[in-house]
Amino acid sequence: MKAISPLVATTLLLIITVAGGVIIYNYMVNTLKAPQEYAALSVVSAQMLVEGSTTIVNIKATNIGTATAEITQVKILPDNIVQNMDITIDPGTTRSFNIIITKALNTTYEHYVVLVYNSGETEPVPMQLIK
């Protein structure tokens, strides 16, 4: 009877190990194969033109994600200008749009643009001055 006890213990440990491995395998397969859709914007260029008391800002942005990006706001820093927008950019496409600000921005220091969209916001990107 003493020979059966180590055999039963080994069998139980083997069953528990295999069951744990199957549970972990199923969890990892289901987690990794689920398609994750996300929007990620990248600002390709930002330029501004100051004419009298008006500033025109041209922004070119690319959606490098897998879902549609919806731009809701454009922030101009450091002047803290917030412009509400309703622009949609499909995955893998680039779109250019203009913002008209009824204020002449100071051209002696650098301005930055930040796009706020449905998945977050972009890093501040410096704007080039068009002369």
Protein backbone atom coordinates (compact mmCIF):
# COMPACT_ATOMS: atom_id res chain seq x y z
CA MET A 1 0.00 0.00 0.00
CA LYS A 2 2.96 2.32 0.50
CA ALA A 3 3.77 2.28 -3.23
CA ILE A 4 0.35 3.67 -4.25
CA SER A 5 0.58 6.91 -2.23
CA PRO A 6 3.55 8.46 -4.17
CA LEU A 7 1.92 7.43 -7.44
CA VAL A 8 -1.38 9.14 -6.52
CA ALA A 9 0.45 12.27 -5.32
CA THR A 10 2.45 12.49 -8.56
CA THR A 11 -0.71 12.05 -10.64
CA LEU A 12 -2.55 14.78 -8.73
CA LEU A 13 0.37 17.21 -9.09
CA LEU A 14 0.55 16.46 -12.80
CA ILE A 15 -3.21 17.08 -13.26
CA ILE A 16 -3.06 20.35 -11.32
CA THR A 17 -0.06 21.56 -13.35
CA VAL A 18 -1.71 20.73 -16.69
CA ALA A 19 -5.00 22.38 -15.64
CA GLY A 20 -3.17 25.54 -14.56
CA GLY A 21 -1.25 25.64 -17.83
CA VAL A 22 -4.47 25.30 -19.85
CA ILE A 23 -6.13 28.13 -17.91
CA ILE A 24 -3.15 30.46 -18.42
CA TYR A 25 -2.88 29.51 -22.11
CA ASN A 26 -6.59 30.26 -22.74
CA TYR A 27 -6.38 33.58 -20.94
CA MET A 28 -3.32 34.71 -22.93
CA VAL A 29 -4.73 33.59 -26.29
CA ASN A 30 -8.02 35.41 -25.71
CA THR A 31 -6.26 38.56 -24.51
CA LEU A 32 -3.77 38.74 -27.37
CA LYS A 33 -6.12 37.94 -30.24
CA ALA A 34 -8.76 40.55 -29.33
CA PRO A 35 -8.42 43.38 -31.86
CA GLN A 36 -7.66 46.68 -30.20
CA GLU A 37 -8.88 49.74 -32.06
CA TYR A 38 -7.39 53.09 -31.16
CA ALA A 39 -6.93 56.52 -32.67
CA ALA A 40 -3.51 58.14 -32.61
CA LEU A 41 -2.82 61.51 -34.20
CA SER A 42 0.53 62.81 -35.32
CA VAL A 43 0.96 66.44 -36.33
CA VAL A 44 2.93 66.50 -39.58
CA SER A 45 3.23 70.29 -39.82
CA ALA A 46 1.89 73.44 -38.20
CA GLN A 47 2.34 76.84 -39.81
CA MET A 48 1.02 80.29 -38.99
CA LEU A 49 0.63 83.41 -41.06
CA VAL A 50 0.02 86.78 -39.36
CA GLU A 51 -1.74 89.35 -41.56
CA GLY A 52 -2.69 92.55 -39.80
CA SER A 53 -4.99 91.67 -36.91
CA THR A 54 -5.66 88.11 -38.12
CA THR A 55 -3.64 84.92 -37.72
CA ILE A 56 -4.19 81.94 -39.99
CA VAL A 57 -2.92 78.60 -38.68
CA ASN A 58 -2.56 75.64 -41.05
CA ILE A 59 -2.29 72.21 -39.45
CA LYS A 60 -1.60 68.92 -41.21
CA ALA A 61 -2.30 65.82 -39.10
CA THR A 62 -2.10 62.07 -39.78
CA ASN A 63 -4.11 59.37 -38.04
CA ILE A 64 -1.63 56.55 -37.40
CA GLY A 65 -4.15 54.51 -35.41
CA THR A 66 -6.72 51.90 -36.40
CA ALA A 67 -9.89 53.85 -35.51
CA THR A 68 -11.31 57.17 -36.67
CA ALA A 69 -9.98 60.21 -34.79
CA GLU A 70 -12.37 63.07 -34.04
CA ILE A 71 -10.60 66.35 -33.28
CA THR A 72 -12.66 68.37 -30.79
CA GLN A 73 -10.26 71.19 -29.91
CA VAL A 74 -7.08 72.88 -31.06
CA LYS A 75 -4.98 74.65 -28.43
CA ILE A 76 -2.44 77.35 -29.28
CA LEU A 77 0.23 77.71 -26.59
CA PRO A 78 1.49 79.80 -24.78
CA ASP A 79 -1.40 82.19 -25.58
CA ASN A 80 -3.95 79.64 -24.26
CA ILE A 81 -6.18 80.02 -27.31
CA VAL A 82 -8.70 77.18 -27.54
CA GLN A 83 -10.60 76.67 -30.79
CA ASN A 84 -13.46 74.15 -30.83
CA MET A 85 -13.42 71.91 -33.89
CA ASP A 86 -15.35 69.06 -35.44
CA ILE A 87 -12.87 67.34 -37.75
CA THR A 88 -12.73 63.63 -38.48
CA ILE A 89 -9.62 61.84 -39.76
CA ASP A 90 -9.92 58.22 -40.92
CA PRO A 91 -7.22 55.68 -40.07
CA GLY A 92 -4.13 55.91 -42.25
CA THR A 93 -5.04 59.26 -43.79
CA THR A 94 -3.62 62.77 -43.57
CA ARG A 95 -5.79 65.87 -43.42
CA SER A 96 -4.97 69.55 -43.60
CA PHE A 97 -7.18 72.27 -42.11
CA ASN A 98 -7.01 75.98 -41.30
CA ILE A 99 -7.88 77.92 -38.17
CA ILE A 100 -8.56 81.64 -38.35
CA ILE A 101 -7.81 83.59 -35.17
CA THR A 102 -9.07 87.16 -34.96
CA LYS A 103 -5.95 88.25 -33.11
CA ALA A 104 -2.42 88.90 -34.32
CA LEU A 105 -0.17 86.48 -32.45
CA ASN A 106 3.18 87.79 -31.28
CA THR A 107 5.87 86.52 -33.65
CA THR A 108 8.83 87.19 -31.34
CA TYR A 109 8.44 83.89 -29.49
CA GLU A 110 7.58 80.35 -30.54
CA HIS A 111 4.00 79.08 -30.51
CA TYR A 112 2.89 75.47 -30.13
CA VAL A 113 -0.20 73.59 -31.27
CA VAL A 114 -1.93 70.74 -29.41
CA LEU A 115 -4.76 68.68 -30.93
CA VAL A 116 -7.38 67.31 -28.53
CA TYR A 117 -9.17 64.24 -29.91
CA ASN A 118 -11.27 61.29 -28.76
CA SER A 119 -8.26 59.25 -27.53
CA GLY A 120 -6.35 62.05 -25.80
CA GLU A 121 -4.18 64.83 -27.10
CA THR A 122 -0.98 65.26 -29.06
CA GLU A 123 2.30 66.54 -27.72
CA PRO A 124 2.89 70.28 -28.27
CA VAL A 125 4.30 70.81 -31.78
CA PRO A 126 6.11 74.05 -32.65
CA MET A 127 4.52 76.20 -35.37
CA GLN A 128 6.58 77.64 -38.19
CA LEU A 129 6.06 81.30 -39.04
CA ILE A 130 5.27 81.99 -42.70
CA LYS A 131 6.64 85.34 -43.76
